[in-house]
Amino acid sequence: MRYTSSHAPSGYDILKIATNGSAKILGRNDIGSLAVGKAGDMFLIRRDRLDLIGADLDVKSMLGTVGLKSSVDYTIVNGKIVVENGHLVNIHEEKFISEARKSVTNYLSRS
């Protein structure tokens, strides 16, 4: 048996709450929506991912109902691409990962 409620928020409603709602909580009206004069930072996700099969039939509700557990495909901040094909473009990820692992190992080896 499937239970539904006409009063329950849709996935799209949850997405709106997460953007406009969180901006309102912060007392900000300059962020939280796409409009003329506002920053246009955004991220993009390919719909043809295996983990999104079926969820892509309702893209406006997809993040609010299914979520995303992996990296986004693209992120644009201040008009510049900072994530491309799931990888940061402004750092050498492999070098950063290696240095981070060394730091964690050093920290954990302290007694």
Protein backbone atom coordinates (compact mmCIF):
# COMPACT_ATOMS: atom_id res chain seq x y z
CA MET A 1 0.00 0.00 0.00
CA ARG A 2 1.30 3.44 -0.91
CA TYR A 3 0.64 6.40 1.35
CA THR A 4 0.57 9.91 -0.08
CA SER A 5 -0.41 13.29 1.21
CA SER A 6 -1.41 16.35 -0.68
CA HIS A 7 0.24 18.33 2.12
CA ALA A 8 3.68 16.69 1.87
CA PRO A 9 6.31 18.76 0.04
CA SER A 10 7.48 17.47 -3.33
CA GLY A 11 11.14 16.99 -4.14
CA TYR A 12 11.03 20.29 -6.01
CA ASP A 13 9.53 22.01 -2.96
CA ILE A 14 12.42 20.66 -0.89
CA LEU A 15 14.91 22.03 -3.42
CA LYS A 16 13.26 25.46 -3.22
CA ILE A 17 13.37 25.33 0.59
CA ALA A 18 17.06 24.46 0.44
CA THR A 19 17.86 27.44 -1.79
CA ASN A 20 15.39 30.27 -1.15
CA GLY A 21 14.59 29.05 2.35
CA SER A 22 18.18 28.89 3.54
CA ALA A 23 18.88 32.33 2.07
CA LYS A 24 15.91 33.72 4.01
CA ILE A 25 17.15 32.09 7.22
CA LEU A 26 20.47 33.87 6.68
CA GLY A 27 18.59 37.13 6.16
CA ARG A 28 19.88 37.38 2.59
CA ASN A 29 17.83 38.39 -0.41
CA ASP A 30 20.83 38.62 -2.74
CA ILE A 31 21.23 34.81 -2.98
CA GLY A 32 19.02 31.73 -3.18
CA SER A 33 17.45 32.15 -6.60
CA LEU A 34 18.30 32.77 -10.22
CA ALA A 35 17.38 36.31 -11.18
CA VAL A 36 18.79 39.34 -12.96
CA GLY A 37 21.54 40.95 -10.87
CA LYS A 38 22.27 37.87 -8.75
CA ALA A 39 25.34 35.65 -8.91
CA GLY A 40 24.87 32.75 -11.27
CA ASP A 41 27.01 30.11 -9.57
CA MET A 42 25.77 26.66 -10.48
CA PHE A 43 26.58 23.01 -10.77
CA LEU A 44 25.65 20.54 -13.47
CA ILE A 45 24.99 16.82 -13.23
CA ARG A 46 24.75 14.40 -16.14
CA ARG A 47 21.33 12.74 -16.16
CA ASP A 48 22.59 9.54 -17.78
CA ARG A 49 24.33 8.24 -14.64
CA LEU A 50 23.52 4.73 -13.54
CA ASP A 51 22.57 5.91 -10.03
CA LEU A 52 20.01 8.33 -11.45
CA ILE A 53 18.08 5.90 -13.71
CA GLY A 54 14.40 6.61 -13.16
CA ALA A 55 15.08 9.69 -11.04
CA ASP A 56 15.87 11.63 -14.21
CA LEU A 57 12.20 11.37 -15.23
CA ASP A 58 11.46 14.20 -12.78
CA VAL A 59 14.62 16.32 -12.86
CA LYS A 60 13.21 19.19 -10.81
CA SER A 61 12.60 16.80 -7.90
CA MET A 62 15.64 14.58 -8.44
CA LEU A 63 18.01 16.11 -5.86
CA GLY A 64 15.30 16.51 -3.25
CA THR A 65 14.11 12.93 -3.50
CA VAL A 66 17.15 10.88 -4.55
CA GLY A 67 20.10 13.15 -3.80
CA LEU A 68 23.60 12.74 -5.19
CA LYS A 69 26.34 10.71 -3.55
CA SER A 70 29.14 11.40 -6.01
CA SER A 71 30.91 14.42 -7.46
CA VAL A 72 29.04 16.83 -9.66
CA ASP A 73 30.16 16.97 -13.27
CA TYR A 74 30.67 20.73 -13.52
CA THR A 75 30.68 23.65 -11.10
CA ILE A 76 30.80 27.25 -12.22
CA VAL A 77 31.65 30.02 -9.74
CA ASN A 78 31.78 33.67 -10.75
CA GLY A 79 31.61 32.58 -14.38
CA LYS A 80 34.64 30.29 -14.12
CA ILE A 81 34.60 26.50 -14.31
CA VAL A 82 36.09 25.11 -11.07
CA VAL A 83 34.98 21.49 -11.51
CA GLU A 84 35.15 19.87 -14.93
CA ASN A 85 34.18 16.26 -15.60
CA GLY A 86 34.03 15.68 -11.83
CA HIS A 87 37.54 16.98 -11.10
CA LEU A 88 38.78 20.24 -9.59
CA VAL A 89 40.55 22.27 -12.27
CA ASN A 90 42.58 24.64 -10.07
CA ILE A 91 44.58 22.04 -8.14
CA HIS A 92 46.52 18.91 -8.94
CA GLU A 93 44.19 16.42 -7.22
CA GLU A 94 46.63 13.48 -7.08
CA LYS A 95 49.32 15.64 -5.43
CA PHE A 96 46.77 17.09 -2.99
CA ILE A 97 45.50 13.60 -2.09
CA SER A 98 49.06 12.37 -1.50
CA GLU A 99 49.88 15.34 0.75
CA ALA A 100 46.61 14.95 2.66
CA ARG A 101 47.27 11.24 3.27
CA LYS A 102 50.74 12.06 4.62
CA SER A 103 49.24 14.66 6.97
CA VAL A 104 46.63 12.19 8.24
CA THR A 105 49.26 9.47 8.73
CA ASN A 106 51.52 11.89 10.63
CA TYR A 107 48.66 13.04 12.80
CA LEU A 108 47.48 9.52 13.60
CA SER A 109 51.01 8.32 14.40
CA ARG A 110 51.25 10.80 17.31
CA SER A 111 50.72 9.07 20.62
